[in-house]
Amino acid sequence: MRLLLTSDTHLPRRARELPAPLLAALPEADVVVHAGDWVDVATLDLLESLSRRLIAVYGNNDGPDLRARLPEVARAELDGLRLGVIHETGPAQGREARCAARFPELDVLVFGHSHIPWDSTAPGGLRLLNPGSPTDRRRQPHCTYLTATAAQGRLTDVVLHRLPRRG
């Protein structure tokens, strides 16, 4: 099962539109995961129309229209992989232990908020992934998103995709 993970799209504040490579990759994924901070409903509508399956949450910058359609925390089982999605996980220091305690039932937790790509594993095995942002790189060299494969309860082939700089 092919996964595409993204977060912090912040449209139209940080960019006018999603990058073409991300848009092209959406229909190729079996599941698209968005970890919040959409900002506009049009982006949610777009991802719903381009995705076979969308698992998504709202973020701290998302207003009532998005909060009415999305949960704060989402959970799904993908070919035996227990996946969770949330926008904020708090400070980087202590993140693994904090998330492992809060989500002991999960194999993978996808989060956003920082715009900084993250890939770590907590004691006990919880994998934490932040895909960064495809539209707002903040202090990072590139805007990013992730792809991965879920199969037989495992996550493999995790790839961080760096997007070209906007002109």
C-alpha atoms as a PDB file:
ATOM      1  CA  MET A   1       0.000   0.000   0.000  1.00  0.00           C
ATOM      2  CA  ARG A   2       1.607   3.259  -1.155  1.00  0.00           C
ATOM      3  CA  LEU A   3       1.366   6.212   1.247  1.00  0.00           C
ATOM      4  CA  LEU A   4       1.939   9.919   0.675  1.00  0.00           C
ATOM      5  CA  LEU A   5       2.372  12.038   3.820  1.00  0.00           C
ATOM      6  CA  THR A   6       2.122  15.805   3.898  1.00  0.00           C
ATOM      7  CA  SER A   7       1.328  18.594   6.332  1.00  0.00           C
ATOM      8  CA  ASP A   8       1.306  22.347   6.833  1.00  0.00           C
ATOM      9  CA  THR A   9       0.144  23.331   3.357  1.00  0.00           C
ATOM     10  CA  HIS A  10      -0.964  26.787   4.611  1.00  0.00           C
ATOM     11  CA  LEU A  11      -2.733  27.770   1.387  1.00  0.00           C
ATOM     12  CA  PRO A  12      -3.099  30.496   0.264  1.00  0.00           C
ATOM     13  CA  ARG A  13      -0.931  32.179   2.923  1.00  0.00           C
ATOM     14  CA  ARG A  14       2.436  30.476   2.260  1.00  0.00           C
ATOM     15  CA  ALA A  15       1.897  29.653  -1.416  1.00  0.00           C
ATOM     16  CA  ARG A  16      -0.814  30.160  -4.028  1.00  0.00           C
ATOM     17  CA  GLU A  17      -0.999  26.464  -4.899  1.00  0.00           C
ATOM     18  CA  LEU A  18       0.457  23.078  -4.079  1.00  0.00           C
ATOM     19  CA  PRO A  19       3.701  22.223  -5.909  1.00  0.00           C
ATOM     20  CA  ALA A  20       3.249  20.328  -9.188  1.00  0.00           C
ATOM     21  CA  PRO A  21       5.356  17.295  -8.096  1.00  0.00           C
ATOM     22  CA  LEU A  22       3.152  16.817  -5.020  1.00  0.00           C
ATOM     23  CA  LEU A  23      -0.044  17.184  -7.061  1.00  0.00           C
ATOM     24  CA  ALA A  24       1.247  14.623  -9.564  1.00  0.00           C
ATOM     25  CA  ALA A  25       2.090  12.151  -6.786  1.00  0.00           C
ATOM     26  CA  LEU A  26      -1.309  12.309  -5.051  1.00  0.00           C
ATOM     27  CA  PRO A  27      -3.233  10.012  -7.449  1.00  0.00           C
ATOM     28  CA  GLU A  28      -0.381   7.474  -7.340  1.00  0.00           C
ATOM     29  CA  ALA A  29      -0.847   6.916  -3.593  1.00  0.00           C
ATOM     30  CA  ASP A  30      -3.297   4.416  -2.163  1.00  0.00           C
ATOM     31  CA  VAL A  31      -3.572   6.590   0.957  1.00  0.00           C
ATOM     32  CA  VAL A  32      -2.812  10.292   1.417  1.00  0.00           C
ATOM     33  CA  VAL A  33      -2.141  11.524   4.964  1.00  0.00           C
ATOM     34  CA  HIS A  34      -2.322  15.236   5.870  1.00  0.00           C
ATOM     35  CA  ALA A  35      -1.258  16.256   9.389  1.00  0.00           C
ATOM     36  CA  GLY A  36      -3.058  19.604   9.577  1.00  0.00           C
ATOM     37  CA  ASP A  37      -2.671  23.329   8.983  1.00  0.00           C
ATOM     38  CA  TRP A  38      -4.555  23.405   5.713  1.00  0.00           C
ATOM     39  CA  VAL A  39      -5.783  26.980   6.326  1.00  0.00           C
ATOM     40  CA  ASP A  40      -8.306  26.872   3.454  1.00  0.00           C
ATOM     41  CA  VAL A  41     -11.153  24.463   2.737  1.00  0.00           C
ATOM     42  CA  ALA A  42     -10.339  24.456  -0.988  1.00  0.00           C
ATOM     43  CA  THR A  43      -7.135  22.485  -0.321  1.00  0.00           C
ATOM     44  CA  LEU A  44      -9.062  19.851   1.634  1.00  0.00           C
ATOM     45  CA  ASP A  45     -11.575  19.602  -1.224  1.00  0.00           C
ATOM     46  CA  LEU A  46      -8.715  19.259  -3.727  1.00  0.00           C
ATOM     47  CA  LEU A  47      -6.955  16.501  -1.783  1.00  0.00           C
ATOM     48  CA  GLU A  48     -10.237  14.647  -1.304  1.00  0.00           C
ATOM     49  CA  SER A  49     -10.837  14.792  -5.072  1.00  0.00           C
ATOM     50  CA  LEU A  50      -7.316  13.605  -5.987  1.00  0.00           C
ATOM     51  CA  SER A  51      -6.877  10.925  -3.303  1.00  0.00           C
ATOM     52  CA  ARG A  52      -8.121   7.364  -3.299  1.00  0.00           C
ATOM     53  CA  ARG A  53      -8.284   7.609   0.489  1.00  0.00           C
ATOM     54  CA  LEU A  54      -7.493  10.625   2.661  1.00  0.00           C
ATOM     55  CA  ILE A  55      -6.648  10.421   6.372  1.00  0.00           C
ATOM     56  CA  ALA A  56      -6.379  13.913   7.798  1.00  0.00           C
ATOM     57  CA  VAL A  57      -6.622  16.134  10.864  1.00  0.00           C
ATOM     58  CA  TYR A  58      -6.945  19.835  11.556  1.00  0.00           C
ATOM     59  CA  GLY A  59      -4.105  22.001  12.834  1.00  0.00           C
ATOM     60  CA  ASN A  60      -3.794  25.058  15.034  1.00  0.00           C
ATOM     61  CA  ASN A  61      -4.199  27.431  12.053  1.00  0.00           C
ATOM     62  CA  ASP A  62      -7.383  25.764  10.806  1.00  0.00           C
ATOM     63  CA  GLY A  63     -10.682  27.533  11.412  1.00  0.00           C
ATOM     64  CA  PRO A  64     -14.193  26.295  12.190  1.00  0.00           C
ATOM     65  CA  ASP A  65     -14.967  25.132   8.627  1.00  0.00           C
ATOM     66  CA  LEU A  66     -12.029  22.712   8.626  1.00  0.00           C
ATOM     67  CA  ARG A  67     -12.544  21.675  12.251  1.00  0.00           C
ATOM     68  CA  ALA A  68     -16.129  20.756  11.409  1.00  0.00           C
ATOM     69  CA  ARG A  69     -14.885  18.296   8.770  1.00  0.00           C
ATOM     70  CA  LEU A  70     -11.699  16.923  10.355  1.00  0.00           C
ATOM     71  CA  PRO A  71     -10.778  15.359  13.713  1.00  0.00           C
ATOM     72  CA  GLU A  72      -7.957  16.475  16.004  1.00  0.00           C
ATOM     73  CA  VAL A  73      -6.553  12.913  15.966  1.00  0.00           C
ATOM     74  CA  ALA A  74      -7.127  10.295  13.252  1.00  0.00           C
ATOM     75  CA  ARG A  75      -6.412   6.580  13.444  1.00  0.00           C
ATOM     76  CA  ALA A  76      -6.466   3.907  10.742  1.00  0.00           C
ATOM     77  CA  GLU A  77      -5.236   0.390  10.146  1.00  0.00           C
ATOM     78  CA  LEU A  78      -3.449   0.044   6.818  1.00  0.00           C
ATOM     79  CA  ASP A  79      -2.628  -3.543   5.894  1.00  0.00           C
ATOM     80  CA  GLY A  80      -2.035  -4.316   9.567  1.00  0.00           C
ATOM     81  CA  LEU A  81      -0.093  -1.086  10.277  1.00  0.00           C
ATOM     82  CA  ARG A  82      -1.663   0.930  13.098  1.00  0.00           C
ATOM     83  CA  LEU A  83      -1.332   4.561  11.982  1.00  0.00           C
ATOM     84  CA  GLY A  84      -2.189   7.736  13.864  1.00  0.00           C
ATOM     85  CA  VAL A  85      -2.192  11.354  12.727  1.00  0.00           C
ATOM     86  CA  ILE A  86      -2.060  14.512  14.859  1.00  0.00           C
ATOM     87  CA  HIS A  87      -0.891  18.050  14.179  1.00  0.00           C
ATOM     88  CA  GLU A  88       1.048  19.003  17.316  1.00  0.00           C
ATOM     89  CA  THR A  89       3.245  16.829  19.545  1.00  0.00           C
ATOM     90  CA  GLY A  90       4.935  19.524  21.632  1.00  0.00           C
ATOM     91  CA  PRO A  91       8.661  20.293  21.917  1.00  0.00           C
ATOM     92  CA  ALA A  92      11.230  18.070  20.215  1.00  0.00           C
ATOM     93  CA  GLN A  93      12.867  17.262  23.555  1.00  0.00           C
ATOM     94  CA  GLY A  94      11.028  14.308  25.056  1.00  0.00           C
ATOM     95  CA  ARG A  95       8.799  13.836  21.991  1.00  0.00           C
ATOM     96  CA  GLU A  96       9.387  10.083  21.631  1.00  0.00           C
ATOM     97  CA  ALA A  97       8.556   9.249  25.257  1.00  0.00           C
ATOM     98  CA  ARG A  98       5.591  11.638  25.344  1.00  0.00           C
ATOM     99  CA  CYS A  99       4.051  10.237  22.157  1.00  0.00           C
ATOM    100  CA  ALA A 100       4.723   6.614  23.100  1.00  0.00           C
ATOM    101  CA  ALA A 101       2.878   7.176  26.376  1.00  0.00           C
ATOM    102  CA  ARG A 102      -0.051   8.921  24.680  1.00  0.00           C
ATOM    103  CA  PHE A 103      -0.366   6.508  21.739  1.00  0.00           C
ATOM    104  CA  PRO A 104       0.710   3.048  22.990  1.00  0.00           C
ATOM    105  CA  GLU A 105      -1.608   1.314  20.495  1.00  0.00           C
ATOM    106  CA  LEU A 106       0.071   2.776  17.380  1.00  0.00           C
ATOM    107  CA  ASP A 107       2.936   1.612  15.172  1.00  0.00           C
ATOM    108  CA  VAL A 108       3.373   4.978  13.400  1.00  0.00           C
ATOM    109  CA  LEU A 109       2.407   8.528  14.346  1.00  0.00           C
ATOM    110  CA  VAL A 110       2.438  11.209  11.630  1.00  0.00           C
ATOM    111  CA  PHE A 111       2.544  14.792  12.887  1.00  0.00           C
ATOM    112  CA  GLY A 112       3.123  18.296  11.576  1.00  0.00           C
ATOM    113  CA  HIS A 113       3.326  21.816  13.019  1.00  0.00           C
ATOM    114  CA  SER A 114       7.093  22.425  12.968  1.00  0.00           C
ATOM    115  CA  HIS A 115       7.561  22.233   9.161  1.00  0.00           C
ATOM    116  CA  ILE A 116      10.742  20.291   9.993  1.00  0.00           C
ATOM    117  CA  PRO A 117      11.039  16.734   8.644  1.00  0.00           C
ATOM    118  CA  TRP A 118      11.368  14.183  11.440  1.00  0.00           C
ATOM    119  CA  ASP A 119      11.898  10.426  11.508  1.00  0.00           C
ATOM    120  CA  SER A 120      12.583   8.725  14.828  1.00  0.00           C
ATOM    121  CA  THR A 121      11.548   5.657  16.777  1.00  0.00           C
ATOM    122  CA  ALA A 122      10.503   5.767  20.410  1.00  0.00           C
ATOM    123  CA  PRO A 123      11.464   3.109  22.950  1.00  0.00           C
ATOM    124  CA  GLY A 124       8.839   0.438  22.459  1.00  0.00           C
ATOM    125  CA  GLY A 125       8.829   0.877  18.683  1.00  0.00           C
ATOM    126  CA  LEU A 126       6.495   3.810  17.879  1.00  0.00           C
ATOM    127  CA  ARG A 127       7.797   5.472  14.702  1.00  0.00           C
ATOM    128  CA  LEU A 128       7.342   9.239  14.553  1.00  0.00           C
ATOM    129  CA  LEU A 129       7.221  10.951  11.162  1.00  0.00           C
ATOM    130  CA  ASN A 130       6.861  14.598  10.192  1.00  0.00           C
ATOM    131  CA  PRO A 131       6.798  15.186   6.419  1.00  0.00           C
ATOM    132  CA  GLY A 132       7.745  18.855   6.733  1.00  0.00           C
ATOM    133  CA  SER A 133       5.820  21.275   4.520  1.00  0.00           C
ATOM    134  CA  PRO A 134       5.461  21.351   0.736  1.00  0.00           C
ATOM    135  CA  THR A 135       4.876  25.117   0.744  1.00  0.00           C
ATOM    136  CA  ASP A 136       6.767  26.680   3.678  1.00  0.00           C
ATOM    137  CA  ARG A 137      10.286  25.429   4.326  1.00  0.00           C
ATOM    138  CA  ARG A 138      10.916  27.795   7.247  1.00  0.00           C
ATOM    139  CA  ARG A 139      14.546  27.223   8.264  1.00  0.00           C
ATOM    140  CA  GLN A 140      14.903  24.097   6.122  1.00  0.00           C
ATOM    141  CA  PRO A 141      16.776  23.999   2.801  1.00  0.00           C
ATOM    142  CA  HIS A 142      13.761  22.572   0.925  1.00  0.00           C
ATOM    143  CA  CYS A 143      10.009  22.164   1.079  1.00  0.00           C
ATOM    144  CA  THR A 144       9.238  18.471   1.549  1.00  0.00           C
ATOM    145  CA  TYR A 145       6.771  15.596   1.748  1.00  0.00           C
ATOM    146  CA  LEU A 146       7.173  11.865   2.467  1.00  0.00           C
ATOM    147  CA  THR A 147       6.221   8.644   0.745  1.00  0.00           C
ATOM    148  CA  ALA A 148       6.264   5.174   2.279  1.00  0.00           C
ATOM    149  CA  THR A 149       4.883   1.671   1.901  1.00  0.00           C
ATOM    150  CA  ALA A 150       2.614  -0.090   4.397  1.00  0.00           C
ATOM    151  CA  ALA A 151       2.536  -3.880   4.118  1.00  0.00           C
ATOM    152  CA  GLN A 152       1.834  -6.693   6.551  1.00  0.00           C
ATOM    153  CA  GLY A 153       1.891  -4.394   9.581  1.00  0.00           C
ATOM    154  CA  ARG A 154       5.209  -2.747   8.655  1.00  0.00           C
ATOM    155  CA  LEU A 155       6.247   0.617   7.271  1.00  0.00           C
ATOM    156  CA  THR A 156       9.041   0.473   4.684  1.00  0.00           C
ATOM    157  CA  ASP A 157      10.517   2.522   1.861  1.00  0.00           C
ATOM    158  CA  VAL A 158      10.216   5.855   3.704  1.00  0.00           C
ATOM    159  CA  VAL A 159      11.491   8.570   1.349  1.00  0.00           C
ATOM    160  CA  LEU A 160      11.749  12.303   2.011  1.00  0.00           C
ATOM    161  CA  HIS A 161      11.025  14.188  -1.217  1.00  0.00           C
ATOM    162  CA  ARG A 162      12.642  17.585  -1.595  1.00  0.00           C
ATOM    163  CA  LEU A 163      10.678  19.970  -3.776  1.00  0.00           C
ATOM    164  CA  PRO A 164      12.270  22.498  -6.125  1.00  0.00           C
ATOM    165  CA  ARG A 165      12.379  26.070  -4.899  1.00  0.00           C
ATOM    166  CA  ARG A 166       9.611  28.294  -6.172  1.00  0.00           C
ATOM    167  CA  GLY A 167      10.705  30.979  -8.562  1.00  0.00           C
END
